[in-house]
Structure formats: C-alpha cells, structure tokens
Amino acid sequence: MKKLKDEKALVKKAIAAGMKYGESRGVVEFEATDSVNEKLEYIYRLLVHDKVIQPIPEEQVSQKAIKHRLAIWASKL
C-alpha cells in the first residue's frame, strides 16, 4: 500500500464528506463525542454497503487500511 502524497488532508476531507453523505441519507447522526476511528469505520462500512467503494478483504481491515481507502475515495471527489 503506497502512501498518498497528502493522505492526512485527504482523510480529513473523507471524514467531512462521509459525515455529510451519511447524514444526508438519514442513516446516521454523528455526535461530537464520537472518536475519529469510529467515524472512519462507520463511513467505510456505509460506503461499502452502498457500493461506492470496493471493500477491503475482511482479514486485512485495519485503521490504516481504512484511512488509505477513504483517502483514495476523497481524492476522487
């Protein structure tokens, strides 16, 4: 897995876009107390469920892999 040039900024963009996507669908309301890791995992699972992004094989799912996959998604927005 090759690290993207500005992956941290893309992860922040992915969180913002994913939160907006989930709330606009009416399936989730994020709280201020939700951790970043919880938000990332929920956004990832929602996008996989909606077939917006390809799933990572379940045995390879980790926070690092989720961040990378969401950063790639955000770079295409």
PDB file of N, CA and C in Angstrom:
ATOM      1  N   MET A   1       0.857  -1.167   0.000  1.00  0.00           N
ATOM      2  CA  MET A   1       0.000   0.000   0.000  1.00  0.00           C
ATOM      3  C   MET A   1       0.902   1.230   0.000  1.00  0.00           C
ATOM      4  N   LYS A   2       0.867   1.982  -1.069  1.00  0.00           N
ATOM      5  CA  LYS A   2       1.696   3.169  -1.212  1.00  0.00           C
ATOM      6  C   LYS A   2       0.986   4.371  -0.599  1.00  0.00           C
ATOM      7  N   LYS A   3       1.692   5.077   0.260  1.00  0.00           N
ATOM      8  CA  LYS A   3       1.099   6.232   0.935  1.00  0.00           C
ATOM      9  C   LYS A   3       0.884   7.364  -0.074  1.00  0.00           C
ATOM     10  N   LEU A   4      -0.254   8.009   0.028  1.00  0.00           N
ATOM     11  CA  LEU A   4      -0.565   9.128  -0.851  1.00  0.00           C
ATOM     12  C   LEU A   4       0.194  10.373  -0.414  1.00  0.00           C
ATOM     13  N   LYS A   5       0.362  11.291  -1.327  1.00  0.00           N
ATOM     14  CA  LYS A   5       1.161  12.488  -1.071  1.00  0.00           C
ATOM     15  C   LYS A   5       0.638  13.302   0.108  1.00  0.00           C
ATOM     16  N   ASP A   6      -0.626  13.571   0.139  1.00  0.00           N
ATOM     17  CA  ASP A   6      -1.236  14.393   1.199  1.00  0.00           C
ATOM     18  C   ASP A   6      -2.359  13.610   1.881  1.00  0.00           C
ATOM     19  N   GLU A   7      -2.020  12.422   2.361  1.00  0.00           N
ATOM     20  CA  GLU A   7      -3.021  11.497   2.885  1.00  0.00           C
ATOM     21  C   GLU A   7      -3.765  12.048   4.100  1.00  0.00           C
ATOM     22  N   LYS A   8      -3.069  12.758   4.994  1.00  0.00           N
ATOM     23  CA  LYS A   8      -3.745  13.294   6.188  1.00  0.00           C
ATOM     24  C   LYS A   8      -4.855  14.258   5.803  1.00  0.00           C
ATOM     25  N   ALA A   9      -4.568  15.157   4.860  1.00  0.00           N
ATOM     26  CA  ALA A   9      -5.581  16.118   4.419  1.00  0.00           C
ATOM     27  C   ALA A   9      -6.731  15.404   3.723  1.00  0.00           C
ATOM     28  N   LEU A  10      -6.422  14.368   2.958  1.00  0.00           N
ATOM     29  CA  LEU A  10      -7.471  13.619   2.272  1.00  0.00           C
ATOM     30  C   LEU A  10      -8.341  12.841   3.251  1.00  0.00           C
ATOM     31  N   VAL A  11      -7.749  12.350   4.334  1.00  0.00           N
ATOM     32  CA  VAL A  11      -8.541  11.644   5.354  1.00  0.00           C
ATOM     33  C   VAL A  11      -9.511  12.620   6.011  1.00  0.00           C
ATOM     34  N   LYS A  12      -9.052  13.838   6.310  1.00  0.00           N
ATOM     35  CA  LYS A  12      -9.946  14.854   6.882  1.00  0.00           C
ATOM     36  C   LYS A  12     -11.079  15.179   5.918  1.00  0.00           C
ATOM     37  N   LYS A  13     -10.741  15.285   4.625  1.00  0.00           N
ATOM     38  CA  LYS A  13     -11.758  15.563   3.609  1.00  0.00           C
ATOM     39  C   LYS A  13     -12.752  14.398   3.519  1.00  0.00           C
ATOM     40  N   ALA A  14     -12.239  13.175   3.626  1.00  0.00           N
ATOM     41  CA  ALA A  14     -13.097  11.993   3.565  1.00  0.00           C
ATOM     42  C   ALA A  14     -14.050  11.941   4.751  1.00  0.00           C
ATOM     43  N   ILE A  15     -13.555  12.316   5.938  1.00  0.00           N
ATOM     44  CA  ILE A  15     -14.421  12.321   7.127  1.00  0.00           C
ATOM     45  C   ILE A  15     -15.544  13.334   6.944  1.00  0.00           C
ATOM     46  N   ALA A  16     -15.196  14.533   6.491  1.00  0.00           N
ATOM     47  CA  ALA A  16     -16.212  15.573   6.292  1.00  0.00           C
ATOM     48  C   ALA A  16     -17.233  15.139   5.240  1.00  0.00           C
ATOM     49  N   ALA A  17     -16.747  14.635   4.103  1.00  0.00           N
ATOM     50  CA  ALA A  17     -17.653  14.213   3.029  1.00  0.00           C
ATOM     51  C   ALA A  17     -18.472  13.000   3.442  1.00  0.00           C
ATOM     52  N   GLY A  18     -17.866  12.068   4.153  1.00  0.00           N
ATOM     53  CA  GLY A  18     -18.578  10.870   4.605  1.00  0.00           C
ATOM     54  C   GLY A  18     -19.649  11.187   5.620  1.00  0.00           C
ATOM     55  N   MET A  19     -19.348  12.106   6.533  1.00  0.00           N
ATOM     56  CA  MET A  19     -20.352  12.514   7.523  1.00  0.00           C
ATOM     57  C   MET A  19     -21.535  13.170   6.813  1.00  0.00           C
ATOM     58  N   LYS A  20     -21.235  14.031   5.863  1.00  0.00           N
ATOM     59  CA  LYS A  20     -22.304  14.706   5.110  1.00  0.00           C
ATOM     60  C   LYS A  20     -23.127  13.676   4.322  1.00  0.00           C
ATOM     61  N   TYR A  21     -22.447  12.712   3.719  1.00  0.00           N
ATOM     62  CA  TYR A  21     -23.117  11.665   2.950  1.00  0.00           C
ATOM     63  C   TYR A  21     -24.056  10.845   3.843  1.00  0.00           C
ATOM     64  N   GLY A  22     -23.553  10.406   4.980  1.00  0.00           N
ATOM     65  CA  GLY A  22     -24.358   9.588   5.895  1.00  0.00           C
ATOM     66  C   GLY A  22     -25.545  10.343   6.462  1.00  0.00           C
ATOM     67  N   GLU A  23     -25.324  11.596   6.838  1.00  0.00           N
ATOM     68  CA  GLU A  23     -26.416  12.391   7.409  1.00  0.00           C
ATOM     69  C   GLU A  23     -27.448  12.762   6.360  1.00  0.00           C
ATOM     70  N   SER A  24     -26.998  13.000   5.111  1.00  0.00           N
ATOM     71  CA  SER A  24     -27.961  13.337   4.059  1.00  0.00           C
ATOM     72  C   SER A  24     -28.826  12.128   3.705  1.00  0.00           C
ATOM     73  N   ARG A  25     -28.288  10.931   3.862  1.00  0.00           N
ATOM     74  CA  ARG A  25     -29.076   9.715   3.644  1.00  0.00           C
ATOM     75  C   ARG A  25     -30.012   9.441   4.797  1.00  0.00           C
ATOM     76  N   GLY A  26     -29.759  10.077   5.929  1.00  0.00           N
ATOM     77  CA  GLY A  26     -30.614   9.889   7.088  1.00  0.00           C
ATOM     78  C   GLY A  26     -30.338   8.602   7.849  1.00  0.00           C
ATOM     79  N   VAL A  27     -29.171   8.007   7.678  1.00  0.00           N
ATOM     80  CA  VAL A  27     -28.862   6.747   8.349  1.00  0.00           C
ATOM     81  C   VAL A  27     -28.032   6.927   9.612  1.00  0.00           C
ATOM     82  N   VAL A  28     -27.501   8.126   9.834  1.00  0.00           N
ATOM     83  CA  VAL A  28     -26.628   8.321  10.992  1.00  0.00           C
ATOM     84  C   VAL A  28     -26.634   9.780  11.406  1.00  0.00           C
ATOM     85  N   GLU A  29     -26.445   9.992  12.691  1.00  0.00           N
ATOM     86  CA  GLU A  29     -26.194  11.329  13.224  1.00  0.00           C
ATOM     87  C   GLU A  29     -24.932  11.222  14.054  1.00  0.00           C
ATOM     88  N   PHE A  30     -23.873  11.868  13.599  1.00  0.00           N
ATOM     89  CA  PHE A  30     -22.608  11.815  14.320  1.00  0.00           C
ATOM     90  C   PHE A  30     -22.653  12.773  15.505  1.00  0.00           C
ATOM     91  N   GLU A  31     -22.084  12.340  16.610  1.00  0.00           N
ATOM     92  CA  GLU A  31     -22.016  13.138  17.826  1.00  0.00           C
ATOM     93  C   GLU A  31     -20.607  13.703  17.978  1.00  0.00           C
ATOM     94  N   ALA A  32     -20.479  14.780  18.733  1.00  0.00           N
ATOM     95  CA  ALA A  32     -19.169  15.379  18.988  1.00  0.00           C
ATOM     96  C   ALA A  32     -18.273  14.437  19.788  1.00  0.00           C
ATOM     97  N   THR A  33     -18.886  13.514  20.515  1.00  0.00           N
ATOM     98  CA  THR A  33     -18.108  12.589  21.347  1.00  0.00           C
ATOM     99  C   THR A  33     -17.628  11.362  20.575  1.00  0.00           C
ATOM    100  N   ASP A  34     -18.050  11.191  19.316  1.00  0.00           N
ATOM    101  CA  ASP A  34     -17.602  10.055  18.509  1.00  0.00           C
ATOM    102  C   ASP A  34     -16.118  10.210  18.193  1.00  0.00           C
ATOM    103  N   SER A  35     -15.371   9.130  18.337  1.00  0.00           N
ATOM    104  CA  SER A  35     -13.945   9.196  18.032  1.00  0.00           C
ATOM    105  C   SER A  35     -13.738   9.188  16.515  1.00  0.00           C
ATOM    106  N   VAL A  36     -12.577   9.618  16.107  1.00  0.00           N
ATOM    107  CA  VAL A  36     -12.243   9.642  14.680  1.00  0.00           C
ATOM    108  C   VAL A  36     -12.267   8.224  14.123  1.00  0.00           C
ATOM    109  N   ASN A  37     -11.739   7.267  14.890  1.00  0.00           N
ATOM    110  CA  ASN A  37     -11.714   5.884  14.416  1.00  0.00           C
ATOM    111  C   ASN A  37     -13.116   5.318  14.232  1.00  0.00           C
ATOM    112  N   GLU A  38     -14.035   5.665  15.132  1.00  0.00           N
ATOM    113  CA  GLU A  38     -15.422   5.219  14.980  1.00  0.00           C
ATOM    114  C   GLU A  38     -16.051   5.819  13.727  1.00  0.00           C
ATOM    115  N   LYS A  39     -15.812   7.111  13.511  1.00  0.00           N
ATOM    116  CA  LYS A  39     -16.352   7.770  12.315  1.00  0.00           C
ATOM    117  C   LYS A  39     -15.794   7.135  11.052  1.00  0.00           C
ATOM    118  N   LEU A  40     -14.478   6.905  11.030  1.00  0.00           N
ATOM    119  CA  LEU A  40     -13.851   6.314   9.852  1.00  0.00           C
ATOM    120  C   LEU A  40     -14.438   4.938   9.542  1.00  0.00           C
ATOM    121  N   GLU A  41     -14.569   4.110  10.567  1.00  0.00           N
ATOM    122  CA  GLU A  41     -15.078   2.766  10.332  1.00  0.00           C
ATOM    123  C   GLU A  41     -16.535   2.802   9.874  1.00  0.00           C
ATOM    124  N   TYR A  42     -17.352   3.661  10.485  1.00  0.00           N
ATOM    125  CA  TYR A  42     -18.748   3.735  10.080  1.00  0.00           C
ATOM    126  C   TYR A  42     -18.862   4.232   8.643  1.00  0.00           C
ATOM    127  N   ILE A  43     -18.101   5.270   8.298  1.00  0.00           N
ATOM    128  CA  ILE A  43     -18.142   5.811   6.930  1.00  0.00           C
ATOM    129  C   ILE A  43     -17.695   4.750   5.938  1.00  0.00           C
ATOM    130  N   TYR A  44     -16.610   4.051   6.274  1.00  0.00           N
ATOM    131  CA  TYR A  44     -16.108   2.992   5.392  1.00  0.00           C
ATOM    132  C   TYR A  44     -17.182   1.927   5.170  1.00  0.00           C
ATOM    133  N   ARG A  45     -17.780   1.437   6.246  1.00  0.00           N
ATOM    134  CA  ARG A  45     -18.793   0.375   6.133  1.00  0.00           C
ATOM    135  C   ARG A  45     -20.030   0.854   5.361  1.00  0.00           C
ATOM    136  N   LEU A  46     -20.415   2.114   5.553  1.00  0.00           N
ATOM    137  CA  LEU A  46     -21.556   2.664   4.818  1.00  0.00           C
ATOM    138  C   LEU A  46     -21.259   2.745   3.323  1.00  0.00           C
ATOM    139  N   LEU A  47     -20.067   3.235   2.968  1.00  0.00           N
ATOM    140  CA  LEU A  47     -19.710   3.357   1.552  1.00  0.00           C
ATOM    141  C   LEU A  47     -19.583   1.989   0.894  1.00  0.00           C
ATOM    142  N   VAL A  48     -19.076   0.997   1.617  1.00  0.00           N
ATOM    143  CA  VAL A  48     -19.003  -0.364   1.076  1.00  0.00           C
ATOM    144  C   VAL A  48     -20.414  -0.917   0.893  1.00  0.00           C
ATOM    145  N   HIS A  49     -21.273  -0.702   1.878  1.00  0.00           N
ATOM    146  CA  HIS A  49     -22.664  -1.182   1.794  1.00  0.00           C
ATOM    147  C   HIS A  49     -23.378  -0.583   0.596  1.00  0.00           C
ATOM    148  N   ASP A  50     -23.151   0.706   0.340  1.00  0.00           N
ATOM    149  CA  ASP A  50     -23.790   1.385  -0.787  1.00  0.00           C
ATOM    150  C   ASP A  50     -23.058   1.161  -2.107  1.00  0.00           C
ATOM    151  N   LYS A  51     -21.993   0.360  -2.063  1.00  0.00           N
ATOM    152  CA  LYS A  51     -21.187   0.018  -3.247  1.00  0.00           C
ATOM    153  C   LYS A  51     -20.569   1.248  -3.893  1.00  0.00           C
ATOM    154  N   VAL A  52     -20.176   2.215  -3.062  1.00  0.00           N
ATOM    155  CA  VAL A  52     -19.489   3.417  -3.546  1.00  0.00           C
ATOM    156  C   VAL A  52     -17.998   3.121  -3.682  1.00  0.00           C
ATOM    157  N   ILE A  53     -17.467   2.312  -2.754  1.00  0.00           N
ATOM    158  CA  ILE A  53     -16.063   1.907  -2.799  1.00  0.00           C
ATOM    159  C   ILE A  53     -15.970   0.392  -2.700  1.00  0.00           C
ATOM    160  N   GLN A  54     -14.829  -0.147  -3.159  1.00  0.00           N
ATOM    161  CA  GLN A  54     -14.589  -1.583  -3.080  1.00  0.00           C
ATOM    162  C   GLN A  54     -14.204  -1.961  -1.654  1.00  0.00           C
ATOM    163  N   PRO A  55     -14.696  -3.075  -1.140  1.00  0.00           N
ATOM    164  CA  PRO A  55     -14.329  -3.486   0.227  1.00  0.00           C
ATOM    165  C   PRO A  55     -12.902  -4.012   0.289  1.00  0.00           C
ATOM    166  N   ILE A  56     -12.302  -3.852   1.450  1.00  0.00           N
ATOM    167  CA  ILE A  56     -11.009  -4.440   1.748  1.00  0.00           C
ATOM    168  C   ILE A  56     -11.304  -5.857   2.231  1.00  0.00           C
ATOM    169  N   PRO A  57     -10.501  -6.858   1.846  1.00  0.00           N
ATOM    170  CA  PRO A  57     -10.743  -8.202   2.398  1.00  0.00           C
ATOM    171  C   PRO A  57     -10.783  -8.143   3.926  1.00  0.00           C
ATOM    172  N   GLU A  58     -11.755  -8.821   4.531  1.00  0.00           N
ATOM    173  CA  GLU A  58     -12.051  -8.675   5.956  1.00  0.00           C
ATOM    174  C   GLU A  58     -10.838  -8.950   6.847  1.00  0.00           C
ATOM    175  N   GLU A  59      -9.967  -9.875   6.456  1.00  0.00           N
ATOM    176  CA  GLU A  59      -8.799 -10.162   7.283  1.00  0.00           C
ATOM    177  C   GLU A  59      -7.740  -9.067   7.195  1.00  0.00           C
ATOM    178  N   GLN A  60      -7.874  -8.153   6.232  1.00  0.00           N
ATOM    179  CA  GLN A  60      -6.911  -7.063   6.066  1.00  0.00           C
ATOM    180  C   GLN A  60      -7.443  -5.722   6.563  1.00  0.00           C
ATOM    181  N   VAL A  61      -8.657  -5.688   7.089  1.00  0.00           N
ATOM    182  CA  VAL A  61      -9.246  -4.437   7.553  1.00  0.00           C
ATOM    183  C   VAL A  61      -8.520  -3.965   8.811  1.00  0.00           C
ATOM    184  N   SER A  62      -8.017  -2.729   8.748  1.00  0.00           N
ATOM    185  CA  SER A  62      -7.362  -2.088   9.887  1.00  0.00           C
ATOM    186  C   SER A  62      -7.599  -0.590   9.759  1.00  0.00           C
ATOM    187  N   GLN A  63      -7.292   0.149  10.804  1.00  0.00           N
ATOM    188  CA  GLN A  63      -7.477   1.598  10.747  1.00  0.00           C
ATOM    189  C   GLN A  63      -6.625   2.205   9.641  1.00  0.00           C
ATOM    190  N   LYS A  64      -5.411   1.711   9.488  1.00  0.00           N
ATOM    191  CA  LYS A  64      -4.510   2.225   8.452  1.00  0.00           C
ATOM    192  C   LYS A  64      -5.087   1.960   7.059  1.00  0.00           C
ATOM    193  N   ALA A  65      -5.602   0.752   6.841  1.00  0.00           N
ATOM    194  CA  ALA A  65      -6.172   0.391   5.544  1.00  0.00           C
ATOM    195  C   ALA A  65      -7.443   1.198   5.261  1.00  0.00           C
ATOM    196  N   ILE A  66      -8.268   1.390   6.290  1.00  0.00           N
ATOM    197  CA  ILE A  66      -9.496   2.174   6.114  1.00  0.00           C
ATOM    198  C   ILE A  66      -9.154   3.620   5.776  1.00  0.00           C
ATOM    199  N   LYS A  67      -8.200   4.198   6.499  1.00  0.00           N
ATOM    200  CA  LYS A  67      -7.785   5.574   6.207  1.00  0.00           C
ATOM    201  C   LYS A  67      -7.292   5.698   4.774  1.00  0.00           C
ATOM    202  N   HIS A  68      -6.489   4.734   4.345  1.00  0.00           N
ATOM    203  CA  HIS A  68      -5.939   4.776   2.987  1.00  0.00           C
ATOM    204  C   HIS A  68      -7.057   4.677   1.946  1.00  0.00           C
ATOM    205  N   ARG A  69      -7.997   3.748   2.157  1.00  0.00           N
ATOM    206  CA  ARG A  69      -9.087   3.569   1.188  1.00  0.00           C
ATOM    207  C   ARG A  69      -9.961   4.813   1.123  1.00  0.00           C
ATOM    208  N   LEU A  70     -10.263   5.412   2.278  1.00  0.00           N
ATOM    209  CA  LEU A  70     -11.078   6.632   2.289  1.00  0.00           C
ATOM    210  C   LEU A  70     -10.329   7.815   1.705  1.00  0.00           C
ATOM    211  N   ALA A  71      -9.022   7.874   1.886  1.00  0.00           N
ATOM    212  CA  ALA A  71      -8.223   8.948   1.286  1.00  0.00           C
ATOM    213  C   ALA A  71      -8.268   8.855  -0.235  1.00  0.00           C
ATOM    214  N   ILE A  72      -8.191   7.638  -0.750  1.00  0.00           N
ATOM    215  CA  ILE A  72      -8.296   7.441  -2.197  1.00  0.00           C
ATOM    216  C   ILE A  72      -9.678   7.901  -2.691  1.00  0.00           C
ATOM    217  N   TRP A  73     -10.718   7.532  -1.949  1.00  0.00           N
ATOM    218  CA  TRP A  73     -12.079   7.955  -2.303  1.00  0.00           C
ATOM    219  C   TRP A  73     -12.187   9.472  -2.308  1.00  0.00           C
ATOM    220  N   ALA A  74     -11.633  10.117  -1.270  1.00  0.00           N
ATOM    221  CA  ALA A  74     -11.714  11.578  -1.167  1.00  0.00           C
ATOM    222  C   ALA A  74     -10.934  12.270  -2.275  1.00  0.00           C
ATOM    223  N   SER A  75      -9.863  11.647  -2.728  1.00  0.00           N
ATOM    224  CA  SER A  75      -9.070  12.266  -3.799  1.00  0.00           C
ATOM    225  C   SER A  75      -9.831  12.303  -5.125  1.00  0.00           C
ATOM    226  N   LYS A  76     -10.860  11.474  -5.247  1.00  0.00           N
ATOM    227  CA  LYS A  76     -11.651  11.422  -6.480  1.00  0.00           C
ATOM    228  C   LYS A  76     -12.907  12.283  -6.414  1.00  0.00           C
ATOM    229  N   LEU A  77     -13.164  12.920  -5.278  1.00  0.00           N
ATOM    230  CA  LEU A  77     -14.367  13.754  -5.148  1.00  0.00           C
ATOM    231  C   LEU A  77     -14.187  15.065  -5.861  1.00  0.00           C
TER     232      LEU A  77
END
